[in-house]
Protein backbone atom coordinates (compact mmCIF):
# COMPACT_ATOMS: atom_id res chain seq x y z
CA UNK A 1 15.71 -19.51 18.65
CA UNK A 2 16.71 -15.98 17.48
CA UNK A 3 14.87 -12.64 18.48
CA UNK A 4 13.49 -10.41 16.10
CA UNK A 5 12.20 -7.07 16.65
CA UNK A 6 9.63 -5.71 13.87
CA UNK A 7 9.31 -1.95 13.73
CA UNK A 8 5.80 -1.05 12.51
CA UNK A 9 2.23 -2.48 12.77
CA UNK A 10 0.88 -1.66 9.76
CA UNK A 11 0.25 -4.41 6.68
CA UNK A 12 3.83 -5.06 5.88
CA UNK A 13 5.07 -4.92 9.76
CA UNK A 14 1.77 -7.69 10.44
CA UNK A 15 2.22 -10.11 7.41
CA UNK A 16 6.37 -10.08 8.13
CA UNK A 17 5.33 -10.90 11.96
CA UNK A 18 3.11 -13.87 10.74
CA UNK A 19 5.56 -15.17 7.69
CA UNK A 20 8.28 -15.28 10.25
CA UNK A 21 6.05 -16.92 13.08
CA UNK A 22 5.25 -19.27 10.85
CA UNK A 23 9.05 -20.30 10.31
CA UNK A 24 9.30 -20.62 13.97
CA UNK A 25 11.39 -17.67 14.68
CA UNK A 26 10.49 -15.40 18.06
CA UNK A 27 9.26 -12.13 17.02
CA UNK A 28 8.46 -8.70 18.86
CA UNK A 29 6.65 -6.38 17.11
CA UNK A 30 6.70 -2.22 18.38
CA UNK A 31 3.63 -0.23 17.10
CA UNK A 32 3.40 3.23 18.37
CA UNK A 33 -0.11 3.46 18.32
CA UNK A 34 -2.71 1.53 20.83
CA UNK A 35 -3.69 -1.16 17.71
CA UNK A 36 -2.72 -2.44 14.39
CA UNK A 37 -3.52 -0.85 11.66
CA UNK A 38 -3.86 2.40 12.50
CA UNK A 39 -2.51 4.67 10.01
CA UNK A 40 -1.93 3.94 6.00
CA UNK A 41 -3.50 0.60 6.62
CA UNK A 42 -6.63 2.09 7.68
CA UNK A 43 -8.55 2.66 4.89
CA UNK A 44 -7.01 2.82 1.83
CA UNK A 45 -8.80 1.94 -1.59
CA UNK A 46 -9.22 -1.84 -0.86
CA UNK A 47 -7.83 -3.09 -4.28
CA UNK A 48 -5.40 -6.34 -4.50
CA UNK A 49 -4.64 -4.81 -7.81
CA UNK A 50 -2.30 -6.58 -9.79
CA UNK A 51 -3.38 -4.59 -12.72
CA UNK A 52 -2.61 -1.34 -11.04
CA UNK A 53 1.26 -2.52 -10.95
CA UNK A 54 2.11 0.57 -13.51
CA UNK A 55 5.02 2.86 -11.98
CA UNK A 56 4.73 6.60 -11.98
CA UNK A 57 8.25 6.98 -13.51
CA UNK A 58 6.93 8.37 -16.75
CA UNK A 59 7.58 11.28 -18.67
CA UNK A 60 3.49 11.68 -19.09
CA UNK A 61 3.14 11.57 -15.69
CA UNK A 62 5.69 14.19 -14.58
CA UNK A 63 4.16 16.89 -17.47
CA UNK A 64 0.48 16.00 -15.98
CA UNK A 65 2.27 16.79 -12.47
CA UNK A 66 3.73 20.28 -13.47
CA UNK A 67 0.21 21.17 -15.10
CA UNK A 68 -1.77 20.36 -12.13
CA UNK A 69 0.83 21.57 -9.59
CA UNK A 70 -1.17 24.99 -8.64
CA UNK A 71 -4.66 23.42 -9.22
CA UNK A 72 -5.84 22.58 -5.74
CA UNK A 73 -8.20 19.70 -6.70
CA UNK A 74 -5.90 18.06 -9.02
CA UNK A 75 -5.25 13.99 -8.85
CA UNK A 76 -1.70 14.53 -8.21
CA UNK A 77 -0.53 17.92 -6.47
CA UNK A 78 2.85 18.75 -5.35
CA UNK A 79 3.59 21.69 -3.00
CA UNK A 80 6.25 23.79 -4.67
CA UNK A 81 7.64 24.66 -1.45
CA UNK A 82 11.59 23.40 -2.01
CA UNK A 83 12.84 21.09 0.42
CA UNK A 84 16.29 18.67 0.44
CA UNK A 85 14.13 15.44 0.97
CA UNK A 86 11.49 16.05 -1.56
CA UNK A 87 14.23 17.50 -4.10
CA UNK A 88 16.69 14.43 -3.77
CA UNK A 89 13.28 12.14 -4.03
CA UNK A 90 12.26 13.78 -7.49
CA UNK A 91 15.77 13.86 -8.61
CA UNK A 92 15.69 9.72 -8.39
CA UNK A 93 12.19 9.44 -9.41
CA UNK A 94 13.25 11.02 -13.12
CA UNK A 95 16.67 9.03 -12.96
CA UNK A 96 14.19 6.11 -13.06
CA UNK A 97 12.29 7.07 -15.93
CA UNK A 98 14.10 4.72 -18.35
CA UNK A 99 13.54 1.87 -15.96
CA UNK A 100 9.86 2.39 -16.21
CA UNK A 101 9.41 -0.98 -18.19
CA UNK A 102 11.37 -3.10 -16.09
CA UNK A 103 10.24 -1.56 -12.91
CA UNK A 104 6.33 -2.16 -13.93
CA UNK A 105 7.02 -5.67 -15.00
CA UNK A 106 8.65 -6.50 -11.82
CA UNK A 107 5.61 -4.92 -9.76
CA UNK A 108 3.27 -7.38 -11.51
CA UNK A 109 4.97 -9.98 -11.35
CA UNK A 110 5.18 -9.50 -7.00
CA UNK A 111 1.55 -8.72 -7.46
CA UNK A 112 0.49 -11.95 -8.75
CA UNK A 113 2.70 -13.72 -6.49
CA UNK A 114 1.25 -12.21 -4.08
CA UNK A 115 -2.08 -13.68 -4.25
CA UNK A 116 -1.66 -16.90 -3.14
CA UNK A 117 0.02 -16.09 -0.04
CA UNK A 118 -2.54 -13.79 1.26
CA UNK A 119 -5.68 -15.48 -0.16
CA UNK A 120 -4.13 -18.79 1.85
CA UNK A 121 -3.26 -17.37 5.02
CA UNK A 122 -7.00 -15.57 5.15
CA UNK A 123 -8.34 -19.09 4.42
CA UNK A 124 -6.11 -20.69 7.12
CA UNK A 125 -6.78 -18.28 9.59
CA UNK A 126 -10.28 -17.89 8.87
CA UNK A 127 -10.27 -13.75 8.53
CA UNK A 128 -13.37 -12.30 7.44
CA UNK A 129 -12.31 -9.12 5.47
CA UNK A 130 -15.11 -8.52 2.96
CA UNK A 131 -13.25 -10.27 0.37
CA UNK A 132 -14.51 -9.83 -3.04
CA UNK A 133 -13.03 -11.73 -6.26
CA UNK A 134 -14.82 -9.91 -8.72
CA UNK A 135 -11.84 -8.52 -10.79
CA UNK A 136 -11.16 -4.71 -11.43
CA UNK A 137 -12.54 -2.86 -14.08
CA UNK A 138 -10.19 0.21 -15.33
CA UNK A 139 -12.07 2.75 -17.10
CA UNK A 140 -11.35 5.26 -19.79
CA UNK A 141 -13.30 8.12 -21.43
CA UNK A 142 -11.13 8.73 -24.18
CA UNK A 143 -9.01 7.15 -26.84
CA UNK A 144 -5.72 8.25 -25.75
CA UNK A 145 -6.09 6.88 -22.35
CA UNK A 146 -7.32 3.76 -23.60
CA UNK A 147 -4.64 2.89 -25.96
CA UNK A 148 -1.99 3.93 -23.19
CA UNK A 149 -3.83 1.29 -20.90
CA UNK A 150 -2.95 -1.19 -24.16
CA UNK A 151 0.34 -0.57 -23.93
CA UNK A 152 0.60 -1.04 -20.34
CA UNK A 153 -1.46 -4.41 -20.60
CA UNK A 154 1.59 -5.91 -22.78
CA UNK A 155 3.84 -5.24 -19.93
CA UNK A 156 1.60 -6.34 -17.61
CA UNK A 157 1.31 -9.56 -20.08
CA UNK A 158 4.87 -9.95 -19.60
CA UNK A 159 5.16 -10.08 -15.48
CA UNK A 160 2.42 -12.93 -15.50
CA UNK A 161 -0.99 -10.89 -15.88
CA UNK A 162 -3.69 -11.32 -18.38
CA UNK A 163 -6.26 -8.76 -18.57
CA UNK A 164 -9.08 -7.79 -21.41
CA UNK A 165 -9.90 -4.85 -23.41
CA UNK A 166 -13.70 -4.11 -23.24
CA UNK A 167 -16.41 -1.89 -24.70
CA UNK A 168 -18.76 0.21 -23.39
CA UNK A 169 -21.81 -2.04 -23.62
CA UNK A 170 -19.33 -4.78 -22.07
CA UNK A 171 -18.36 -2.12 -19.08
CA UNK A 172 -21.95 -2.04 -18.80
CA UNK A 173 -22.71 -5.63 -18.36
CA UNK A 174 -19.76 -6.32 -16.17
CA UNK A 175 -20.80 -3.23 -13.76
CA UNK A 176 -24.67 -2.30 -14.50
CA UNK A 177 -25.01 0.86 -11.79
CA UNK A 178 -21.88 2.84 -13.64
CA UNK A 179 -23.16 5.90 -15.18
CA UNK A 180 -21.24 8.19 -18.03
CA UNK A 181 -19.89 7.87 -21.43
CA UNK A 182 -16.65 6.20 -21.79
CA UNK A 183 -14.63 5.22 -24.93
CA UNK A 184 -13.95 1.98 -23.25
CA UNK A 185 -12.29 -0.08 -20.51
CA UNK A 186 -9.62 -3.21 -19.61
CA UNK A 187 -10.75 -5.85 -17.29
CA UNK A 188 -8.81 -7.76 -15.08
CA UNK A 189 -10.75 -10.87 -13.78
CA UNK A 190 -8.07 -12.05 -11.31
CA UNK A 191 -8.01 -8.87 -9.03
CA UNK A 192 -9.92 -8.75 -6.02
CA UNK A 193 -10.65 -6.35 -3.31
CA UNK A 194 -10.83 -6.08 0.73
CA UNK A 195 -10.69 -4.17 3.85
CA UNK A 196 -6.99 -3.87 4.85
CA UNK A 197 -7.96 -2.82 8.54
CA UNK A 198 -9.77 -6.12 8.73
CA UNK A 199 -7.32 -8.31 7.55
CA UNK A 200 -4.34 -6.63 9.39
CA UNK A 201 -6.12 -6.87 12.99
CA UNK A 202 -7.38 -10.47 12.08
CA UNK A 203 -3.92 -11.46 11.12
CA UNK A 204 -2.29 -9.79 14.05
CA UNK A 205 -4.53 -11.77 15.97
CA UNK A 206 -3.00 -15.15 14.31
CA UNK A 207 0.29 -13.61 14.86
CA UNK A 208 -0.52 -13.74 18.83
CA UNK A 209 -2.07 -17.48 18.37
CA UNK A 210 1.53 -17.86 17.04
CA UNK A 211 3.53 -16.39 19.69
CA UNK A 212 4.33 -13.19 18.45
CA UNK A 213 4.61 -10.35 21.18
CA UNK A 214 2.91 -7.15 20.47
CA UNK A 215 4.10 -3.82 22.17
CA UNK A 216 1.41 -1.31 21.57
CA UNK A 217 1.66 2.26 22.23
CA UNK A 218 5.31 1.90 21.72
CA UNK A 219 7.45 5.42 21.27
CA UNK A 220 10.50 3.89 19.51
CA UNK A 221 13.16 6.58 20.13
CA UNK A 222 16.07 4.83 18.28
CA UNK A 223 17.34 1.73 16.95
CA UNK A 224 20.74 0.89 16.97
CA UNK A 225 23.01 -2.46 15.66
CA UNK A 226 26.26 -3.31 16.30
CA UNK A 227 26.06 -6.32 13.66
CA UNK A 228 25.36 -8.88 16.26
CA UNK A 229 22.82 -7.11 18.72
CA UNK A 230 20.04 -4.57 17.62
CA UNK A 231 18.82 -2.48 20.40
CA UNK A 232 15.19 -0.82 20.34
CA UNK A 233 15.02 2.24 22.29
CA UNK A 234 11.74 3.30 23.26
CA UNK A 235 9.90 5.63 25.76
CA UNK A 236 7.60 4.64 28.40
CA UNK A 237 4.60 6.20 29.79
CA UNK A 238 5.87 6.67 32.78
CA UNK A 239 8.65 9.02 31.42
CA UNK A 240 11.23 6.34 31.59
CA UNK A 241 13.17 5.00 28.53
CA UNK A 242 13.40 1.20 28.24
CA UNK A 243 16.05 -0.66 25.84
CA UNK A 244 15.66 -4.02 24.88
CA UNK A 245 18.30 -6.20 22.74
CA UNK A 246 17.31 -8.39 19.65
CA UNK A 247 19.21 -10.79 17.68
CA UNK A 248 18.10 -8.79 14.51
CA UNK A 249 15.61 -5.89 13.77
CA UNK A 250 13.04 -5.75 10.93
CA UNK A 251 12.18 -2.29 9.85
CA UNK A 252 8.57 -2.00 8.43
CA UNK A 253 7.85 1.54 9.54
CA UNK A 254 6.20 2.93 6.71
CA UNK A 255 6.98 6.98 6.18
CA UNK A 256 8.98 6.58 9.49
CA UNK A 257 11.30 3.98 7.74
CA UNK A 258 13.52 6.59 6.36
CA UNK A 259 14.65 7.98 9.89
CA UNK A 260 15.06 4.92 11.26
CA UNK A 261 17.17 3.65 8.25
CA UNK A 262 19.54 6.58 9.24
CA UNK A 263 19.97 5.78 12.69
CA UNK A 264 21.00 2.47 11.41
CA UNK A 265 23.74 3.67 9.14
CA UNK A 266 21.31 3.07 5.76
CA UNK A 267 19.66 4.86 3.04
CA UNK A 268 15.73 4.45 2.38
CA UNK A 269 14.56 7.28 0.72
CA UNK A 270 10.78 7.33 1.72
CA UNK A 271 8.65 9.87 0.63
CA UNK A 272 5.37 10.45 2.23
CA UNK A 273 2.73 10.68 -0.21
CA UNK A 274 -0.30 11.26 1.12
CA UNK A 275 -3.36 9.57 -0.60
CA UNK A 276 -7.33 10.45 0.44
CA UNK A 277 -10.19 8.09 1.01
CA UNK A 278 -14.04 8.34 1.58
CA UNK A 279 -16.11 5.79 2.96
CA UNK A 280 -19.49 5.78 2.06
CA UNK A 281 -22.15 4.45 4.05
CA UNK A 282 -24.94 2.81 2.05
CA UNK A 283 -27.82 3.28 4.82
CA UNK A 284 -30.86 2.51 2.49
CA UNK A 285 -31.89 -0.18 -0.14
CA UNK A 286 -31.66 2.06 -3.54
CA UNK A 287 -27.88 3.09 -2.39
CA UNK A 288 -27.05 -0.25 -1.62
CA UNK A 289 -28.78 -1.25 -5.22
CA UNK A 290 -26.89 1.74 -7.03
CA UNK A 291 -23.12 1.21 -5.51
CA UNK A 292 -20.84 -1.15 -7.80
CA UNK A 293 -19.51 -4.41 -6.51
CA UNK A 294 -17.28 -4.68 -9.05
CA UNK A 295 -13.92 -2.56 -8.06
CA UNK A 296 -13.02 -0.07 -10.39
CA UNK A 297 -10.09 2.24 -11.31
CA UNK A 298 -10.84 5.68 -13.28
CA UNK A 299 -7.28 6.26 -14.83
CA UNK A 300 -7.84 9.96 -15.73
CA UNK A 301 -9.42 11.01 -12.01
CA UNK A 302 -6.84 8.63 -10.35
CA UNK A 303 -9.56 7.00 -7.99
CA UNK A 304 -10.21 3.74 -7.26
CA UNK A 305 -13.23 2.15 -5.67
CA UNK A 306 -13.92 -1.26 -3.43
CA UNK A 307 -17.37 -2.45 -2.16
CA UNK A 308 -16.68 -3.56 1.45
CA UNK A 309 -19.61 -5.90 2.58
CA UNK A 310 -23.47 -4.68 2.10
CA UNK A 311 -23.29 -1.19 3.27
CA UNK A 312 -20.22 0.67 2.98
CA UNK A 313 -18.83 2.02 -0.42
CA UNK A 314 -14.84 3.22 -0.57
CA UNK A 315 -13.34 5.49 -3.28
CA UNK A 316 -9.76 6.27 -3.01
CA UNK A 317 -6.75 8.02 -4.58
CA UNK A 318 -4.97 11.17 -5.40
CA UNK A 319 -1.64 11.72 -4.64
CA UNK A 320 0.13 14.44 -2.74
CA UNK A 321 3.64 15.51 -2.33
CA UNK A 322 3.49 18.00 0.84
CA UNK A 323 5.48 16.20 3.27
CA UNK A 324 4.42 14.78 6.77
CA UNK A 325 1.21 16.71 6.53
CA UNK A 326 -1.75 14.52 7.39
CA UNK A 327 -4.57 17.30 7.51
CA UNK A 328 -7.68 16.15 5.81
CA UNK A 329 -8.36 18.87 3.25
CA UNK A 330 -12.09 19.58 2.28
CA UNK A 331 -10.75 20.52 -1.40
CA UNK A 332 -8.93 17.32 -2.07
CA UNK A 333 -12.24 15.19 -0.29
CA UNK A 334 -14.63 17.24 -2.59
CA UNK A 335 -13.72 15.46 -5.72
CA UNK A 336 -14.16 11.88 -4.32
CA UNK A 337 -17.91 13.12 -3.54
CA UNK A 338 -18.53 14.86 -6.91
CA UNK A 339 -16.94 11.60 -8.73
CA UNK A 340 -19.42 9.29 -6.62
CA UNK A 341 -22.32 11.64 -7.31
CA UNK A 342 -21.51 11.87 -11.49
CA UNK A 343 -20.73 8.16 -11.66
CA UNK A 344 -23.27 6.20 -9.36
CA UNK A 345 -26.16 8.67 -8.97
CA UNK A 346 -28.46 6.33 -6.80
CA UNK A 347 -25.85 6.29 -4.11
CA UNK A 348 -26.79 8.62 -1.10
CA UNK A 349 -23.87 10.57 -0.29
CA UNK A 350 -25.12 12.16 3.21
CA UNK A 351 -23.41 10.33 4.93
CA UNK A 352 -19.46 9.86 3.78
CA UNK A 353 -16.32 9.54 6.27
CA UNK A 354 -13.31 11.08 5.00
CA UNK A 355 -9.69 10.09 5.84
CA UNK A 356 -6.26 10.79 4.72
CA UNK A 357 -3.15 8.39 4.90
CA UNK A 358 0.90 8.70 3.71
CA UNK A 359 2.05 6.12 1.43
CA UNK A 360 5.65 5.43 1.93
CA UNK A 361 7.13 5.73 -1.69
CA UNK A 362 10.69 5.00 -2.78
CA UNK A 363 11.68 6.83 -6.12
CA UNK A 364 11.93 3.70 -8.38
CA UNK A 365 8.21 2.59 -6.89
CA UNK A 366 9.62 -0.94 -5.73
CA UNK A 367 9.83 -1.55 -2.43
CA UNK A 368 12.78 -2.08 -0.37
CA UNK A 369 13.05 -5.51 0.87
CA UNK A 370 16.20 -7.18 2.21
CA UNK A 371 19.39 -6.21 4.40
CA UNK A 372 21.06 -3.40 5.46
CA UNK A 373 24.64 -2.61 6.23
CA UNK A 374 24.84 -4.18 8.93
CA UNK A 375 24.17 -8.70 9.40
CA UNK A 376 21.08 -8.02 11.42
CA UNK A 377 19.54 -5.03 9.91
CA UNK A 378 16.56 -5.79 7.73
CA UNK A 379 13.74 -3.69 5.61
CA UNK A 380 10.41 -4.46 4.38
CA UNK A 381 9.04 -0.92 3.16
CA UNK A 382 8.57 1.41 0.56
CA UNK A 383 5.52 -0.15 -1.04
CA UNK A 384 3.85 3.45 -2.01
CA UNK A 385 0.37 2.66 -3.54
CA UNK A 386 0.61 -0.96 -3.30
CA UNK A 387 1.24 -2.07 -0.01
CA UNK A 388 -1.84 -3.89 0.55
CA UNK A 389 -1.46 -5.70 -3.17
CA UNK A 390 2.36 -6.76 -2.28
CA UNK A 391 2.64 -6.98 1.29
CA UNK A 392 1.94 -10.86 1.54
CA UNK A 393 5.01 -11.47 -1.14
CA UNK A 394 7.32 -9.47 0.39
CA UNK A 395 6.97 -10.43 3.84
CA UNK A 396 7.51 -14.02 2.56
CA UNK A 397 10.62 -12.75 0.98
CA UNK A 398 12.31 -10.82 4.02
CA UNK A 399 11.00 -14.12 6.24
CA UNK A 400 12.85 -16.54 4.14
CA UNK A 401 16.04 -14.39 4.06
CA UNK A 402 15.93 -13.69 7.60
CA UNK A 403 15.35 -17.41 7.89
CA UNK A 404 18.15 -18.33 6.27
CA UNK A 405 20.38 -15.57 7.94
CA UNK A 406 19.31 -17.19 11.66
CA UNK A 407 20.64 -20.79 10.09
CA UNK A 408 23.62 -19.02 9.40
CA UNK A 409 23.96 -17.38 12.93
CA UNK A 410 23.42 -13.69 10.84
CA UNK A 411 26.66 -13.97 9.03
CA UNK A 412 27.01 -11.15 7.00
CA UNK A 413 26.65 -11.13 3.07
CA UNK A 414 27.40 -8.76 0.36
CA UNK A 415 24.48 -6.13 0.20
């Protein structure tokens, strides 16, 4: 049986470990935190949203970004300070505008395929993660946003995802607690929400039952491969350095994937795009009754919501291009709280827990799934804002590829 090292214990690393272990492969997962899912997989928006598959490589998005650049509370914020990584990423982002249609359809197709695996795993392993299969409602305050959504719906349909336009009256029927005036909406009944952290922790426990070895608190210093043997070099608590050989290595390291890929001779141009969330603790009956149960996506504000159990309401979104900065900024959190106060005035926002995480985003908005230059190096990373949504299908994809390579003795194939 071949030995495989996975770097990263977030949603992509854990789902990959599970998919590989189910195929009978020996897996060791290295995670720098003491527990799984402590970074970008900790407190995201919670949506399993095939309906959010539209990629950002669109001229309108670029124009909005330029308009918002110097506005601290804008949904999309770019630090104007130049840097080679940022400049190269944006150059590739712009180069992918002609592929907007193709990449949106492909993302939708992957998102639809992911559901079967994720729901099946949760049921098989009895993972409670506050799953709600009540759909996602996209809300629009003006005609322009609504009409653009209609064009996006055609692309989603081409990817296998039906959704329907709804009137303001129908929107109120779908989610009666929503306040405000709206032009219309789009409702995707097949979408769902859940707590990504609870799911990942539950699946990690299932991985351990299948024999996966987890190495937590692992300070992975470097990776090396000669095509036949992959070496993981990590620092230990006592100051020593440990090196372990494996037959193959799978990089699922989120925003750290670019650095590890460089060590392995590959270019994976992941950029850290910061997103923020708040978790509103619904401590009284009025707040619990006044918070939505159907998930929402406000395209103008770039915010998503999910109801997590009885007493938690998650609101997340925004995109900040500011390097590896993980600071939680008050001027970025305030618009999320203000949005809740405006849209759900019965919800008490006295107790709100803020959070920020770095999304690993590729310039074409598609995850990097597959092999590297070396025969025994693989990647499952760069999922951007859809890591939770796409994780199960990309894990299956990379596990199927690696299982095939294991049967062939990790013989090199064309990239």
